[in-house]
Amino acid sequence: MPKYKLFFADLHFHTRYSDNRDRATIEEMIFAGVKHELTIFGVGDHNHNFDLKKWKKQKQESSRLRKKYPSYMILTNCEVTFLLGHFLIIEPEVITGTVREGYELLYKNKEYL
């Protein structure tokens, strides 16, 4: 019988870059998750609270934390919100904060399907 390793993840949490009520940093959210045995983390800040400057800062902070905590998987995601719902883009190359751009990444670029 094959042995499987079970991972616990949160791929959709918000930080100070979007609408986290506590204004928590990515690192603070990771510490909170580690208390519950999470090892995979995906920032999922909202596109409508984002601009290119915040997006670059979030990516830089995530990159720094990946080096600082190599035993955790830290992903940079973006939640693209519509009036009727939302979807999460995991590790997009570029999101400048527009719903249209997120939609095109998800539905028109075959690389992301």
N, C-alpha and C. Protein backbone atom coordinates (compact mmCIF):
# COMPACT_ATOMS: atom_id res chain seq x y z
N MET A 1 0.85 -1.19 0.00
CA MET A 1 0.00 0.00 0.00
C MET A 1 0.89 1.24 0.00
N PRO A 2 0.65 2.19 -0.93
CA PRO A 2 1.48 3.40 -0.97
C PRO A 2 1.25 4.27 0.26
N LYS A 3 2.31 4.93 0.68
CA LYS A 3 2.18 5.87 1.79
C LYS A 3 1.97 7.26 1.23
N TYR A 4 1.07 7.98 1.84
CA TYR A 4 0.76 9.33 1.41
C TYR A 4 1.10 10.30 2.52
N LYS A 5 1.54 11.46 2.13
CA LYS A 5 1.80 12.52 3.10
C LYS A 5 0.66 13.51 2.99
N LEU A 6 0.07 13.83 4.11
CA LEU A 6 -1.06 14.76 4.14
C LEU A 6 -0.55 16.16 4.44
N PHE A 7 -0.96 17.12 3.62
CA PHE A 7 -0.60 18.52 3.82
C PHE A 7 -1.85 19.31 4.19
N PHE A 8 -1.69 20.27 5.05
CA PHE A 8 -2.79 21.16 5.42
C PHE A 8 -2.48 22.54 4.86
N ALA A 9 -3.45 23.12 4.17
CA ALA A 9 -3.20 24.37 3.46
C ALA A 9 -4.35 25.36 3.63
N ASP A 10 -4.00 26.62 3.50
CA ASP A 10 -4.97 27.70 3.36
C ASP A 10 -4.52 28.49 2.14
N LEU A 11 -5.23 28.34 1.04
CA LEU A 11 -4.84 29.00 -0.20
C LEU A 11 -5.55 30.33 -0.43
N HIS A 12 -6.30 30.77 0.58
CA HIS A 12 -7.09 31.98 0.37
C HIS A 12 -7.24 32.74 1.69
N PHE A 13 -6.24 33.52 2.01
CA PHE A 13 -6.37 34.41 3.17
C PHE A 13 -5.99 35.82 2.76
N HIS A 14 -6.54 36.78 3.47
CA HIS A 14 -6.31 38.19 3.16
C HIS A 14 -5.30 38.78 4.14
N THR A 15 -4.62 39.82 3.68
CA THR A 15 -3.61 40.47 4.51
C THR A 15 -3.85 41.98 4.50
N ARG A 16 -2.89 42.71 5.02
CA ARG A 16 -2.99 44.18 5.06
C ARG A 16 -3.03 44.79 3.66
N TYR A 17 -2.66 44.01 2.64
CA TYR A 17 -2.70 44.54 1.28
C TYR A 17 -4.12 44.64 0.73
N SER A 18 -5.07 44.06 1.41
CA SER A 18 -6.44 44.04 0.91
C SER A 18 -7.37 44.40 2.05
N ASP A 19 -8.16 43.45 2.53
CA ASP A 19 -9.18 43.80 3.51
C ASP A 19 -9.15 42.94 4.77
N ASN A 20 -7.97 42.57 5.22
CA ASN A 20 -7.86 41.85 6.48
C ASN A 20 -8.17 42.82 7.62
N ARG A 21 -9.16 42.50 8.43
CA ARG A 21 -9.59 43.42 9.50
C ARG A 21 -8.49 43.74 10.50
N ASP A 22 -7.60 42.76 10.73
CA ASP A 22 -6.53 42.96 11.70
C ASP A 22 -5.32 43.65 11.11
N ARG A 23 -5.36 43.92 9.78
CA ARG A 23 -4.23 44.52 9.07
C ARG A 23 -2.98 43.65 9.23
N ALA A 24 -3.16 42.35 9.20
CA ALA A 24 -2.07 41.40 9.43
C ALA A 24 -1.13 41.33 8.23
N THR A 25 0.13 41.10 8.52
CA THR A 25 1.11 40.88 7.47
C THR A 25 1.00 39.42 6.99
N ILE A 26 1.65 39.12 5.90
CA ILE A 26 1.68 37.73 5.42
C ILE A 26 2.32 36.85 6.48
N GLU A 27 3.40 37.31 7.07
CA GLU A 27 4.11 36.53 8.08
C GLU A 27 3.21 36.27 9.30
N GLU A 28 2.45 37.26 9.73
CA GLU A 28 1.53 37.06 10.87
C GLU A 28 0.46 36.02 10.53
N MET A 29 -0.02 36.04 9.29
CA MET A 29 -1.01 35.05 8.88
C MET A 29 -0.40 33.65 8.84
N ILE A 30 0.85 33.56 8.43
CA ILE A 30 1.54 32.26 8.42
C ILE A 30 1.69 31.75 9.85
N PHE A 31 2.10 32.62 10.78
CA PHE A 31 2.22 32.20 12.19
C PHE A 31 0.90 31.69 12.72
N ALA A 32 -0.20 32.36 12.37
CA ALA A 32 -1.53 31.92 12.82
C ALA A 32 -1.85 30.54 12.25
N GLY A 33 -1.50 30.31 10.99
CA GLY A 33 -1.76 29.02 10.37
C GLY A 33 -0.90 27.89 10.91
N VAL A 34 0.36 28.20 11.23
CA VAL A 34 1.27 27.20 11.77
C VAL A 34 0.73 26.65 13.09
N LYS A 35 0.06 27.48 13.86
CA LYS A 35 -0.55 27.02 15.13
C LYS A 35 -1.58 25.93 14.88
N HIS A 36 -2.11 25.87 13.65
CA HIS A 36 -3.11 24.86 13.29
C HIS A 36 -2.53 23.83 12.32
N GLU A 37 -1.20 23.73 12.31
CA GLU A 37 -0.46 22.73 11.55
C GLU A 37 -0.53 22.91 10.03
N LEU A 38 -0.79 24.13 9.57
CA LEU A 38 -0.75 24.40 8.14
C LEU A 38 0.70 24.49 7.68
N THR A 39 0.96 24.04 6.46
CA THR A 39 2.31 24.15 5.89
C THR A 39 2.30 24.78 4.50
N ILE A 40 1.12 24.99 3.93
CA ILE A 40 0.99 25.61 2.61
C ILE A 40 0.09 26.83 2.76
N PHE A 41 0.58 27.97 2.24
CA PHE A 41 -0.12 29.24 2.44
C PHE A 41 -0.26 29.96 1.11
N GLY A 42 -1.43 30.50 0.86
CA GLY A 42 -1.66 31.25 -0.36
C GLY A 42 -2.37 32.55 -0.06
N VAL A 43 -1.64 33.65 -0.16
CA VAL A 43 -2.24 34.96 0.02
C VAL A 43 -3.31 35.11 -1.06
N GLY A 44 -4.48 35.60 -0.70
CA GLY A 44 -5.56 35.75 -1.68
C GLY A 44 -6.21 37.12 -1.61
N ASP A 45 -5.39 38.14 -1.60
CA ASP A 45 -5.95 39.49 -1.49
C ASP A 45 -6.81 39.86 -2.69
N HIS A 46 -7.78 40.73 -2.44
CA HIS A 46 -8.75 41.14 -3.46
C HIS A 46 -8.12 42.05 -4.52
N ASN A 47 -8.51 41.82 -5.75
CA ASN A 47 -8.03 42.68 -6.84
C ASN A 47 -8.54 44.11 -6.71
N HIS A 48 -9.74 44.31 -6.17
CA HIS A 48 -10.29 45.67 -6.12
C HIS A 48 -9.65 46.53 -5.03
N ASN A 49 -8.84 45.95 -4.17
CA ASN A 49 -8.10 46.71 -3.17
C ASN A 49 -6.62 46.83 -3.57
N PHE A 50 -6.30 46.29 -4.72
CA PHE A 50 -4.92 46.20 -5.17
C PHE A 50 -4.59 47.25 -6.21
N ASP A 51 -3.35 47.65 -6.23
CA ASP A 51 -2.80 48.37 -7.36
C ASP A 51 -1.45 47.72 -7.64
N LEU A 52 -0.78 48.14 -8.69
CA LEU A 52 0.46 47.49 -9.08
C LEU A 52 1.52 47.61 -7.99
N LYS A 53 1.55 48.72 -7.30
CA LYS A 53 2.53 48.93 -6.22
C LYS A 53 2.32 47.91 -5.10
N LYS A 54 1.07 47.73 -4.66
CA LYS A 54 0.77 46.74 -3.60
C LYS A 54 1.07 45.32 -4.08
N TRP A 55 0.74 45.05 -5.35
CA TRP A 55 0.98 43.71 -5.89
C TRP A 55 2.48 43.39 -5.85
N LYS A 56 3.31 44.34 -6.26
CA LYS A 56 4.76 44.12 -6.24
C LYS A 56 5.27 43.93 -4.82
N LYS A 57 4.76 44.72 -3.88
CA LYS A 57 5.16 44.57 -2.47
C LYS A 57 4.76 43.20 -1.94
N GLN A 58 3.54 42.76 -2.26
CA GLN A 58 3.09 41.45 -1.80
C GLN A 58 3.98 40.35 -2.36
N LYS A 59 4.32 40.42 -3.64
CA LYS A 59 5.19 39.41 -4.25
C LYS A 59 6.59 39.43 -3.61
N GLN A 60 7.12 40.62 -3.34
CA GLN A 60 8.43 40.72 -2.71
C GLN A 60 8.41 40.14 -1.30
N GLU A 61 7.36 40.46 -0.54
CA GLU A 61 7.25 39.93 0.82
C GLU A 61 7.13 38.41 0.79
N SER A 62 6.32 37.88 -0.11
CA SER A 62 6.17 36.43 -0.23
C SER A 62 7.50 35.77 -0.58
N SER A 63 8.23 36.37 -1.51
CA SER A 63 9.53 35.83 -1.92
C SER A 63 10.52 35.81 -0.75
N ARG A 64 10.53 36.88 0.00
CA ARG A 64 11.41 36.96 1.18
C ARG A 64 11.06 35.88 2.20
N LEU A 65 9.75 35.68 2.41
CA LEU A 65 9.31 34.68 3.39
C LEU A 65 9.57 33.26 2.92
N ARG A 66 9.52 33.00 1.61
CA ARG A 66 9.86 31.67 1.10
C ARG A 66 11.30 31.32 1.44
N LYS A 67 12.19 32.31 1.36
CA LYS A 67 13.60 32.08 1.71
C LYS A 67 13.77 31.91 3.22
N LYS A 68 13.02 32.69 3.98
CA LYS A 68 13.12 32.65 5.44
C LYS A 68 12.54 31.36 6.01
N TYR A 69 11.46 30.84 5.39
CA TYR A 69 10.78 29.64 5.87
C TYR A 69 10.71 28.59 4.75
N PRO A 70 11.84 27.97 4.42
CA PRO A 70 11.86 27.03 3.28
C PRO A 70 11.01 25.77 3.49
N SER A 71 10.63 25.47 4.70
CA SER A 71 9.81 24.27 4.93
C SER A 71 8.33 24.52 4.66
N TYR A 72 7.94 25.76 4.40
CA TYR A 72 6.55 26.09 4.06
C TYR A 72 6.45 26.45 2.58
N MET A 73 5.32 26.15 1.98
CA MET A 73 5.05 26.60 0.62
C MET A 73 4.22 27.87 0.73
N ILE A 74 4.73 28.95 0.17
CA ILE A 74 4.06 30.24 0.25
C ILE A 74 3.77 30.71 -1.18
N LEU A 75 2.50 30.80 -1.51
CA LEU A 75 2.05 31.18 -2.86
C LEU A 75 1.52 32.60 -2.85
N THR A 76 1.65 33.26 -3.97
CA THR A 76 1.10 34.60 -4.14
C THR A 76 -0.10 34.49 -5.06
N ASN A 77 -1.28 34.66 -4.52
CA ASN A 77 -2.52 34.52 -5.27
C ASN A 77 -3.25 35.85 -5.34
N CYS A 78 -4.31 35.88 -6.11
CA CYS A 78 -5.15 37.08 -6.18
C CYS A 78 -6.61 36.65 -6.33
N GLU A 79 -7.48 37.22 -5.50
CA GLU A 79 -8.90 36.96 -5.61
C GLU A 79 -9.53 38.01 -6.52
N VAL A 80 -10.07 37.56 -7.64
CA VAL A 80 -10.73 38.45 -8.58
C VAL A 80 -12.22 38.39 -8.30
N THR A 81 -12.82 39.55 -8.01
CA THR A 81 -14.20 39.62 -7.54
C THR A 81 -15.13 40.22 -8.59
N PHE A 82 -16.28 39.58 -8.75
CA PHE A 82 -17.34 40.06 -9.63
C PHE A 82 -18.56 40.37 -8.76
N LEU A 83 -19.59 40.94 -9.32
CA LEU A 83 -20.82 41.20 -8.56
C LEU A 83 -21.46 39.91 -8.07
N LEU A 84 -21.33 38.83 -8.83
CA LEU A 84 -22.00 37.57 -8.48
C LEU A 84 -21.07 36.53 -7.89
N GLY A 85 -19.87 36.89 -7.54
CA GLY A 85 -18.96 35.91 -6.95
C GLY A 85 -17.52 36.29 -7.19
N HIS A 86 -16.66 35.31 -6.99
CA HIS A 86 -15.23 35.57 -7.16
C HIS A 86 -14.51 34.27 -7.51
N PHE A 87 -13.27 34.40 -7.98
CA PHE A 87 -12.42 33.24 -8.17
C PHE A 87 -11.01 33.60 -7.74
N LEU A 88 -10.24 32.58 -7.45
CA LEU A 88 -8.88 32.76 -6.96
C LEU A 88 -7.91 32.34 -8.06
N ILE A 89 -7.01 33.24 -8.42
CA ILE A 89 -5.96 32.90 -9.37
C ILE A 89 -4.72 32.60 -8.55
N ILE A 90 -4.21 31.38 -8.69
CA ILE A 90 -3.05 30.95 -7.91
C ILE A 90 -1.78 31.22 -8.70
N GLU A 91 -0.88 31.98 -8.10
CA GLU A 91 0.41 32.33 -8.67
C GLU A 91 0.32 32.94 -10.07
N PRO A 92 -0.48 34.00 -10.25
CA PRO A 92 -0.51 34.65 -11.57
C PRO A 92 0.82 35.36 -11.83
N GLU A 93 1.16 35.46 -13.08
CA GLU A 93 2.39 36.17 -13.43
C GLU A 93 2.24 37.67 -13.18
N VAL A 94 1.16 38.24 -13.68
CA VAL A 94 0.95 39.68 -13.54
C VAL A 94 -0.54 39.94 -13.35
N ILE A 95 -0.86 40.68 -12.32
CA ILE A 95 -2.22 41.18 -12.11
C ILE A 95 -2.05 42.63 -11.68
N THR A 96 -2.64 43.54 -12.41
CA THR A 96 -2.52 44.95 -12.02
C THR A 96 -3.73 45.42 -11.25
N GLY A 97 -4.68 44.52 -11.03
CA GLY A 97 -5.81 44.89 -10.21
C GLY A 97 -7.13 45.00 -10.93
N THR A 98 -7.19 44.65 -12.22
CA THR A 98 -8.46 44.77 -12.91
C THR A 98 -9.15 43.42 -13.05
N VAL A 99 -10.45 43.42 -12.94
CA VAL A 99 -11.22 42.21 -13.11
C VAL A 99 -11.04 41.68 -14.53
N ARG A 100 -11.03 42.57 -15.49
CA ARG A 100 -10.87 42.15 -16.89
C ARG A 100 -9.57 41.37 -17.08
N GLU A 101 -8.49 41.87 -16.49
CA GLU A 101 -7.21 41.19 -16.63
C GLU A 101 -7.26 39.81 -15.98
N GLY A 102 -7.86 39.71 -14.81
CA GLY A 102 -7.99 38.42 -14.16
C GLY A 102 -8.82 37.45 -14.98
N TYR A 103 -9.91 37.95 -15.54
CA TYR A 103 -10.77 37.12 -16.38
C TYR A 103 -10.00 36.62 -17.59
N GLU A 104 -9.25 37.51 -18.24
CA GLU A 104 -8.49 37.10 -19.41
C GLU A 104 -7.41 36.09 -19.06
N LEU A 105 -6.76 36.27 -17.92
CA LEU A 105 -5.77 35.29 -17.50
C LEU A 105 -6.41 33.91 -17.32
N LEU A 106 -7.58 33.91 -16.71
CA LEU A 106 -8.22 32.63 -16.42
C LEU A 106 -8.83 31.98 -17.65
N TYR A 107 -9.51 32.75 -18.50
CA TYR A 107 -10.30 32.15 -19.57
C TYR A 107 -9.69 32.25 -20.96
N LYS A 108 -8.82 33.20 -21.21
CA LYS A 108 -8.30 33.37 -22.58
C LYS A 108 -6.88 32.87 -22.75
N ASN A 109 -6.12 32.79 -21.70
CA ASN A 109 -4.75 32.35 -21.80
C ASN A 109 -4.70 30.86 -21.49
N LYS A 110 -4.47 30.05 -22.50
CA LYS A 110 -4.52 28.58 -22.34
C LYS A 110 -3.50 28.09 -21.32
N GLU A 111 -2.44 28.85 -21.11
CA GLU A 111 -1.43 28.47 -20.14
C GLU A 111 -2.02 28.34 -18.73
N TYR A 112 -3.08 29.09 -18.44
CA TYR A 112 -3.66 29.10 -17.10
C TYR A 112 -4.83 28.14 -16.95
N LEU A 113 -5.24 27.47 -18.02
CA LEU A 113 -6.37 26.54 -17.93
C LEU A 113 -5.93 25.16 -17.56
